[in-house]
PDB file of N, CA and C in Angstrom:
ATOM      1  N   MET A   1     147.556  76.114  96.491  1.00  0.00           N
ATOM      2  CA  MET A   1     148.578  76.202  95.649  1.00  0.00           C
ATOM      3  C   MET A   1     147.775  75.761  94.138  1.00  0.00           C
ATOM      4  N   HIS A   2     148.036  76.428  93.174  1.00  0.00           N
ATOM      5  CA  HIS A   2     147.399  75.994  91.915  1.00  0.00           C
ATOM      6  C   HIS A   2     148.397  75.720  90.668  1.00  0.00           C
ATOM      7  N   ILE A   3     147.612  74.784  89.638  1.00  0.00           N
ATOM      8  CA  ILE A   3     148.441  74.174  88.555  1.00  0.00           C
ATOM      9  C   ILE A   3     148.027  75.215  87.266  1.00  0.00           C
ATOM     10  N   LYS A   4     149.150  75.660  86.892  1.00  0.00           N
ATOM     11  CA  LYS A   4     149.013  76.633  85.849  1.00  0.00           C
ATOM     12  C   LYS A   4     148.546  75.640  84.647  1.00  0.00           C
ATOM     13  N   SER A   5     147.575  76.045  83.699  1.00  0.00           N
ATOM     14  CA  SER A   5     146.723  75.246  82.782  1.00  0.00           C
ATOM     15  C   SER A   5     147.466  74.674  81.707  1.00  0.00           C
ATOM     16  N   LEU A   6     147.124  73.630  81.071  1.00  0.00           N
ATOM     17  CA  LEU A   6     148.103  72.595  80.822  1.00  0.00           C
ATOM     18  C   LEU A   6     148.209  72.903  78.912  1.00  0.00           C
ATOM     19  N   ARG A   7     149.293  72.962  78.539  1.00  0.00           N
ATOM     20  CA  ARG A   7     149.448  73.114  77.278  1.00  0.00           C
ATOM     21  C   ARG A   7     149.152  72.030  76.411  1.00  0.00           C
ATOM     22  N   GLY A   8     148.214  72.606  75.284  1.00  0.00           N
ATOM     23  CA  GLY A   8     147.940  71.619  74.373  1.00  0.00           C
ATOM     24  C   GLY A   8     148.302  69.997  74.200  1.00  0.00           C
ATOM     25  N   ASP A   9     149.580  69.709  74.146  1.00  0.00           N
ATOM     26  CA  ASP A   9     150.157  68.636  74.103  1.00  0.00           C
ATOM     27  C   ASP A   9     149.936  67.784  75.304  1.00  0.00           C
ATOM     28  N   LEU A  10     150.089  68.130  76.062  1.00  0.00           N
ATOM     29  CA  LEU A  10     149.437  67.754  77.918  1.00  0.00           C
ATOM     30  C   LEU A  10     148.167  67.225  77.777  1.00  0.00           C
ATOM     31  N   GLU A  11     147.129  68.044  77.561  1.00  0.00           N
ATOM     32  CA  GLU A  11     146.042  67.579  77.359  1.00  0.00           C
ATOM     33  C   GLU A  11     145.811  66.768  76.241  1.00  0.00           C
ATOM     34  N   ALA A  12     146.397  66.773  75.152  1.00  0.00           N
ATOM     35  CA  ALA A  12     146.131  65.728  74.119  1.00  0.00           C
ATOM     36  C   ALA A  12     146.835  64.198  74.936  1.00  0.00           C
ATOM     37  N   TYR A  13     147.910  64.184  75.297  1.00  0.00           N
ATOM     38  CA  TYR A  13     148.454  62.908  75.831  1.00  0.00           C
ATOM     39  C   TYR A  13     147.338  62.415  76.985  1.00  0.00           C
ATOM     40  N   LEU A  14     146.786  63.311  78.005  1.00  0.00           N
ATOM     41  CA  LEU A  14     145.793  62.789  78.937  1.00  0.00           C
ATOM     42  C   LEU A  14     144.588  62.169  78.045  1.00  0.00           C
ATOM     43  N   ARG A  15     144.127  62.751  76.964  1.00  0.00           N
ATOM     44  CA  ARG A  15     142.991  62.305  76.281  1.00  0.00           C
ATOM     45  C   ARG A  15     143.363  60.838  75.868  1.00  0.00           C
ATOM     46  N   GLU A  16     144.507  60.822  74.852  1.00  0.00           N
ATOM     47  CA  GLU A  16     145.129  59.486  74.291  1.00  0.00           C
ATOM     48  C   GLU A  16     144.892  58.477  74.898  1.00  0.00           C
ATOM     49  N   HIS A  17     145.150  58.735  76.573  1.00  0.00           N
ATOM     50  CA  HIS A  17     145.688  57.458  77.257  1.00  0.00           C
ATOM     51  C   HIS A  17     144.732  57.294  78.699  1.00  0.00           C
ATOM     52  N   ASN A  18     143.450  57.991  78.118  1.00  0.00           N
ATOM     53  CA  ASN A  18     142.656  57.696  78.969  1.00  0.00           C
ATOM     54  C   ASN A  18     142.321  58.602  80.180  1.00  0.00           C
ATOM     55  N   LEU A  19     143.472  59.663  80.379  1.00  0.00           N
ATOM     56  CA  LEU A  19     143.744  59.879  82.147  1.00  0.00           C
ATOM     57  C   LEU A  19     143.243  61.177  82.448  1.00  0.00           C
ATOM     58  N   THR A  20     142.172  61.848  81.574  1.00  0.00           N
ATOM     59  CA  THR A  20     141.265  63.078  81.953  1.00  0.00           C
ATOM     60  C   THR A  20     141.030  62.867  83.736  1.00  0.00           C
ATOM     61  N   LYS A  21     140.210  61.970  83.667  1.00  0.00           N
ATOM     62  CA  LYS A  21     139.265  61.970  84.704  1.00  0.00           C
ATOM     63  C   LYS A  21     140.502  61.916  86.250  1.00  0.00           C
ATOM     64  N   LYS A  22     141.349  60.939  85.802  1.00  0.00           N
ATOM     65  CA  LYS A  22     142.168  60.800  86.666  1.00  0.00           C
ATOM     66  C   LYS A  22     143.275  62.057  87.159  1.00  0.00           C
ATOM     67  N   PHE A  23     143.420  62.883  85.986  1.00  0.00           N
ATOM     68  CA  PHE A  23     144.246  64.216  86.263  1.00  0.00           C
ATOM     69  C   PHE A  23     143.471  64.960  86.959  1.00  0.00           C
ATOM     70  N   GLU A  24     142.204  64.926  86.722  1.00  0.00           N
ATOM     71  CA  GLU A  24     140.932  65.693  87.567  1.00  0.00           C
ATOM     72  C   GLU A  24     140.988  66.042  88.808  1.00  0.00           C
ATOM     73  N   LYS A  25     140.992  64.481  89.246  1.00  0.00           N
ATOM     74  CA  LYS A  25     140.902  64.055  90.774  1.00  0.00           C
ATOM     75  C   LYS A  25     142.116  64.511  91.315  1.00  0.00           C
ATOM     76  N   ALA A  26     143.322  64.046  90.817  1.00  0.00           N
ATOM     77  CA  ALA A  26     144.718  64.146  91.356  1.00  0.00           C
ATOM     78  C   ALA A  26     144.931  65.719  91.450  1.00  0.00           C
ATOM     79  N   LYS A  27     144.609  66.414  90.478  1.00  0.00           N
ATOM     80  CA  LYS A  27     144.380  68.207  90.532  1.00  0.00           C
ATOM     81  C   LYS A  27     143.684  68.536  91.937  1.00  0.00           C
ATOM     82  N   LYS A  28     142.465  68.110  91.865  1.00  0.00           N
ATOM     83  CA  LYS A  28     141.779  68.663  93.349  1.00  0.00           C
ATOM     84  C   LYS A  28     142.577  68.372  94.381  1.00  0.00           C
ATOM     85  N   LEU A  29     142.977  67.329  94.482  1.00  0.00           N
ATOM     86  CA  LEU A  29     143.690  66.735  95.647  1.00  0.00           C
ATOM     87  C   LEU A  29     144.925  67.682  95.949  1.00  0.00           C
ATOM     88  N   PHE A  30     145.928  67.613  95.040  1.00  0.00           N
ATOM     89  CA  PHE A  30     147.227  68.840  94.864  1.00  0.00           C
ATOM     90  C   PHE A  30     146.814  69.810  95.711  1.00  0.00           C
ATOM     91  N   GLU A  31     145.740  70.509  94.858  1.00  0.00           N
ATOM     92  CA  GLU A  31     145.290  71.793  94.843  1.00  0.00           C
ATOM     93  C   GLU A  31     144.982  71.930  96.589  1.00  0.00           C
ATOM     94  N   ASN A  32     144.306  71.192  96.721  1.00  0.00           N
ATOM     95  CA  ASN A  32     144.115  71.371  98.386  1.00  0.00           C
ATOM     96  C   ASN A  32     144.918  70.828  99.158  1.00  0.00           C
ATOM     97  N   ASN A  33     146.012  69.795  99.091  1.00  0.00           N
ATOM     98  CA  ASN A  33     147.036  69.097  99.950  1.00  0.00           C
ATOM     99  C   ASN A  33     148.177  68.660  98.865  1.00  0.00           C
ATOM    100  N   PRO A  34     149.267  69.390  98.668  1.00  0.00           N
ATOM    101  CA  PRO A  34     150.470  69.159  97.520  1.00  0.00           C
ATOM    102  C   PRO A  34     150.732  67.241  97.931  1.00  0.00           C
ATOM    103  N   PHE A  35     150.828  67.429  99.085  1.00  0.00           N
ATOM    104  CA  PHE A  35     151.613  66.282 100.152  1.00  0.00           C
ATOM    105  C   PHE A  35     150.486  65.312 100.532  1.00  0.00           C
ATOM    106  N   HIS A  36     149.130  64.853  99.648  1.00  0.00           N
ATOM    107  CA  HIS A  36     148.299  64.135 100.159  1.00  0.00           C
ATOM    108  C   HIS A  36     149.015  62.696  99.634  1.00  0.00           C
ATOM    109  N   PRO A  37     148.666  61.803 100.668  1.00  0.00           N
ATOM    110  CA  PRO A  37     149.557  60.428 100.465  1.00  0.00           C
ATOM    111  C   PRO A  37     149.183  59.545  99.329  1.00  0.00           C
ATOM    112  N   SER A  38     148.115  59.742  98.748  1.00  0.00           N
ATOM    113  CA  SER A  38     147.852  59.337  97.636  1.00  0.00           C
ATOM    114  C   SER A  38     148.561  59.886  96.131  1.00  0.00           C
ATOM    115  N   LEU A  39     148.972  60.921  96.688  1.00  0.00           N
ATOM    116  CA  LEU A  39     149.800  61.737  95.151  1.00  0.00           C
ATOM    117  C   LEU A  39     151.203  60.899  95.194  1.00  0.00           C
ATOM    118  N   ASN A  40     151.666  60.841  96.410  1.00  0.00           N
ATOM    119  CA  ASN A  40     152.809  60.206  96.476  1.00  0.00           C
ATOM    120  C   ASN A  40     154.077  61.582  95.997  1.00  0.00           C
ATOM    121  N   THR A  41     154.044  62.909  96.183  1.00  0.00           N
ATOM    122  CA  THR A  41     154.751  63.651  95.492  1.00  0.00           C
ATOM    123  C   THR A  41     155.984  63.552  96.238  1.00  0.00           C
ATOM    124  N   GLU A  42     157.041  63.472  95.313  1.00  0.00           N
ATOM    125  CA  GLU A  42     158.292  63.341  95.344  1.00  0.00           C
ATOM    126  C   GLU A  42     159.073  64.412  94.897  1.00  0.00           C
ATOM    127  N   LEU A  43     160.418  64.968  95.217  1.00  0.00           N
ATOM    128  CA  LEU A  43     161.457  65.420  94.615  1.00  0.00           C
ATOM    129  C   LEU A  43     161.993  64.438  93.886  1.00  0.00           C
ATOM    130  N   LEU A  44     162.694  64.899  92.609  1.00  0.00           N
ATOM    131  CA  LEU A  44     163.141  63.500  91.795  1.00  0.00           C
ATOM    132  C   LEU A  44     164.781  63.911  91.680  1.00  0.00           C
ATOM    133  N   GLU A  45     165.323  63.086  91.504  1.00  0.00           N
ATOM    134  CA  GLU A  45     167.053  63.025  91.380  1.00  0.00           C
ATOM    135  C   GLU A  45     167.189  63.644  90.079  1.00  0.00           C
ATOM    136  N   PRO A  46     168.514  64.744  90.125  1.00  0.00           N
ATOM    137  CA  PRO A  46     169.424  65.118  90.985  1.00  0.00           C
ATOM    138  C   PRO A  46     168.419  66.070  91.466  1.00  0.00           C
ATOM    139  N   LYS A  47     168.547  65.980  92.791  1.00  0.00           N
ATOM    140  CA  LYS A  47     167.426  67.119  93.945  1.00  0.00           C
ATOM    141  C   LYS A  47     167.615  68.586  93.645  1.00  0.00           C
ATOM    142  N   GLU A  48     168.698  68.847  92.932  1.00  0.00           N
ATOM    143  CA  GLU A  48     169.438  70.305  92.861  1.00  0.00           C
ATOM    144  C   GLU A  48     168.651  70.784  91.710  1.00  0.00           C
ATOM    145  N   ARG A  49     168.301  69.909  90.837  1.00  0.00           N
ATOM    146  CA  ARG A  49     167.231  70.521  89.570  1.00  0.00           C
ATOM    147  C   ARG A  49     165.814  70.769  89.943  1.00  0.00           C
ATOM    148  N   LEU A  50     165.225  70.666  90.936  1.00  0.00           N
ATOM    149  CA  LEU A  50     163.949  71.175  91.806  1.00  0.00           C
ATOM    150  C   LEU A  50     162.884  70.557  90.938  1.00  0.00           C
ATOM    151  N   ILE A  51     163.318  69.462  90.132  1.00  0.00           N
ATOM    152  CA  ILE A  51     161.988  68.859  89.555  1.00  0.00           C
ATOM    153  C   ILE A  51     161.178  68.003  90.833  1.00  0.00           C
ATOM    154  N   TYR A  52     160.057  68.300  90.290  1.00  0.00           N
ATOM    155  CA  TYR A  52     159.394  67.531  91.178  1.00  0.00           C
ATOM    156  C   TYR A  52     157.792  66.460  90.394  1.00  0.00           C
ATOM    157  N   SER A  53     157.468  65.233  91.238  1.00  0.00           N
ATOM    158  CA  SER A  53     156.571  64.282  90.585  1.00  0.00           C
ATOM    159  C   SER A  53     155.244  64.281  91.290  1.00  0.00           C
ATOM    160  N   PHE A  54     153.831  64.026  90.767  1.00  0.00           N
ATOM    161  CA  PHE A  54     152.898  63.267  91.992  1.00  0.00           C
ATOM    162  C   PHE A  54     152.192  62.358  90.505  1.00  0.00           C
ATOM    163  N   ARG A  55     151.617  60.791  91.253  1.00  0.00           N
ATOM    164  CA  ARG A  55     151.252  60.178  90.774  1.00  0.00           C
ATOM    165  C   ARG A  55     149.683  60.686  90.439  1.00  0.00           C
ATOM    166  N   LEU A  56     149.271  60.083  89.029  1.00  0.00           N
ATOM    167  CA  LEU A  56     147.748  60.338  88.419  1.00  0.00           C
ATOM    168  C   LEU A  56     147.128  58.958  89.216  1.00  0.00           C
ATOM    169  N   ASP A  57     148.188  57.718  88.648  1.00  0.00           N
ATOM    170  CA  ASP A  57     147.573  56.655  89.140  1.00  0.00           C
ATOM    171  C   ASP A  57     148.864  55.649  89.075  1.00  0.00           C
ATOM    172  N   LYS A  58     148.903  54.394  89.730  1.00  0.00           N
ATOM    173  CA  LYS A  58     150.075  53.565  89.665  1.00  0.00           C
ATOM    174  C   LYS A  58     151.195  53.387  88.702  1.00  0.00           C
ATOM    175  N   LYS A  59     150.801  53.598  87.540  1.00  0.00           N
ATOM    176  CA  LYS A  59     151.248  53.826  86.120  1.00  0.00           C
ATOM    177  C   LYS A  59     151.941  55.370  86.020  1.00  0.00           C
ATOM    178  N   TYR A  60     151.049  56.169  86.177  1.00  0.00           N
ATOM    179  CA  TYR A  60     151.340  57.457  85.262  1.00  0.00           C
ATOM    180  C   TYR A  60     151.888  58.757  86.353  1.00  0.00           C
ATOM    181  N   ARG A  61     152.619  59.486  86.301  1.00  0.00           N
ATOM    182  CA  ARG A  61     153.086  60.339  86.569  1.00  0.00           C
ATOM    183  C   ARG A  61     153.071  61.823  85.654  1.00  0.00           C
ATOM    184  N   ALA A  62     152.627  62.892  87.207  1.00  0.00           N
ATOM    185  CA  ALA A  62     153.049  64.245  86.186  1.00  0.00           C
ATOM    186  C   ALA A  62     154.428  64.866  86.664  1.00  0.00           C
ATOM    187  N   ILE A  63     155.087  65.744  85.903  1.00  0.00           N
ATOM    188  CA  ILE A  63     156.538  65.487  86.214  1.00  0.00           C
ATOM    189  C   ILE A  63     156.161  67.269  86.106  1.00  0.00           C
ATOM    190  N   PHE A  64     156.691  68.198  87.137  1.00  0.00           N
ATOM    191  CA  PHE A  64     156.295  69.446  87.166  1.00  0.00           C
ATOM    192  C   PHE A  64     157.345  70.512  88.131  1.00  0.00           C
ATOM    193  N   ILE A  65     157.349  71.563  88.054  1.00  0.00           N
ATOM    194  CA  ILE A  65     158.404  72.773  88.547  1.00  0.00           C
ATOM    195  C   ILE A  65     157.400  73.512  89.348  1.00  0.00           C
ATOM    196  N   TYR A  66     158.048  74.318  90.216  1.00  0.00           N
ATOM    197  CA  TYR A  66     157.403  75.503  91.016  1.00  0.00           C
ATOM    198  C   TYR A  66     157.709  76.713  90.067  1.00  0.00           C
ATOM    199  N   ILE A  67     156.552  77.137  89.841  1.00  0.00           N
ATOM    200  CA  ILE A  67     157.044  78.449  88.983  1.00  0.00           C
ATOM    201  C   ILE A  67     157.063  80.118  90.170  1.00  0.00           C
ATOM    202  N   ASP A  68     156.363  79.844  91.268  1.00  0.00           N
ATOM    203  CA  ASP A  68     156.527  80.066  92.583  1.00  0.00           C
ATOM    204  C   ASP A  68     156.168  79.637  93.493  1.00  0.00           C
ATOM    205  N   THR A  69     155.679  80.201  94.721  1.00  0.00           N
ATOM    206  CA  THR A  69     155.454  79.643  95.981  1.00  0.00           C
ATOM    207  C   THR A  69     153.688  79.293  95.778  1.00  0.00           C
ATOM    208  N   SER A  70     153.287  79.814  95.130  1.00  0.00           N
ATOM    209  CA  SER A  70     151.776  79.287  94.748  1.00  0.00           C
ATOM    210  C   SER A  70     151.506  78.958  93.768  1.00  0.00           C
ATOM    211  N   MET A  71     152.290  78.534  92.956  1.00  0.00           N
ATOM    212  CA  MET A  71     151.603  77.765  91.191  1.00  0.00           C
ATOM    213  C   MET A  71     152.820  76.863  90.721  1.00  0.00           C
ATOM    214  N   ILE A  72     152.197  75.961  90.255  1.00  0.00           N
ATOM    215  CA  ILE A  72     153.285  74.798  89.580  1.00  0.00           C
ATOM    216  C   ILE A  72     152.693  74.855  87.986  1.00  0.00           C
ATOM    217  N   GLU A  73     154.019  74.091  87.360  1.00  0.00           N
ATOM    218  CA  GLU A  73     153.629  74.097  85.742  1.00  0.00           C
ATOM    219  C   GLU A  73     154.085  72.690  85.606  1.00  0.00           C
ATOM    220  N   ILE A  74     153.072  71.969  85.193  1.00  0.00           N
ATOM    221  CA  ILE A  74     153.430  70.481  84.463  1.00  0.00           C
ATOM    222  C   ILE A  74     154.196  70.546  83.496  1.00  0.00           C
ATOM    223  N   VAL A  75     155.243  69.818  83.845  1.00  0.00           N
ATOM    224  CA  VAL A  75     156.298  70.161  81.846  1.00  0.00           C
ATOM    225  C   VAL A  75     155.674  68.443  81.645  1.00  0.00           C
ATOM    226  N   VAL A  76     155.360  67.279  81.902  1.00  0.00           N
ATOM    227  CA  VAL A  76     155.433  66.571  80.748  1.00  0.00           C
ATOM    228  C   VAL A  76     154.766  65.311  81.830  1.00  0.00           C
ATOM    229  N   PHE A  77     153.854  64.679  81.181  1.00  0.00           N
ATOM    230  CA  PHE A  77     153.218  63.198  82.026  1.00  0.00           C
ATOM    231  C   PHE A  77     153.855  62.103  81.486  1.00  0.00           C
ATOM    232  N   THR A  78     154.388  61.101  82.183  1.00  0.00           N
ATOM    233  CA  THR A  78     155.056  59.888  82.084  1.00  0.00           C
ATOM    234  C   THR A  78     154.435  58.673  82.350  1.00  0.00           C
ATOM    235  N   ASN A  79     154.840  57.567  81.583  1.00  0.00           N
ATOM    236  CA  ASN A  79     154.685  56.510  82.157  1.00  0.00           C
ATOM    237  C   ASN A  79     155.596  55.676  82.860  1.00  0.00           C
ATOM    238  N   HIS A  80     155.198  55.763  84.194  1.00  0.00           N
ATOM    239  CA  HIS A  80     156.556  55.307  85.256  1.00  0.00           C
ATOM    240  C   HIS A  80     157.399  54.135  85.204  1.00  0.00           C
ATOM    241  N   TYR A  81     156.838  53.251  84.651  1.00  0.00           N
ATOM    242  CA  TYR A  81     157.237  52.231  84.551  1.00  0.00           C
ATOM    243  C   TYR A  81     158.174  51.801  83.288  1.00  0.00           C
ATOM    244  N   LYS A  82     158.068  52.837  82.014  1.00  0.00           N
ATOM    245  CA  LYS A  82     159.130  53.119  81.070  1.00  0.00           C
ATOM    246  C   LYS A  82     160.104  53.339  81.170  1.00  0.00           C
TER     247      LYS A  82
END
């Protein structure tokens, strides 16, 4: 599995929230095993929209969509508890 290169605004979000290292670690885990237990990858509601998320840490999540069977695109990073 591959993750499409991040848009500039997403890279800026990671820098502003000091999440770059956490994202790189999560990215490696995801690319090796998208359902690694520490990522807590899940299909979000409503499920028919096919939008997924995985954890960067307990507070932040990456929201993504599948582009095809081997590539995803992260569309936003969110604070899971806001």
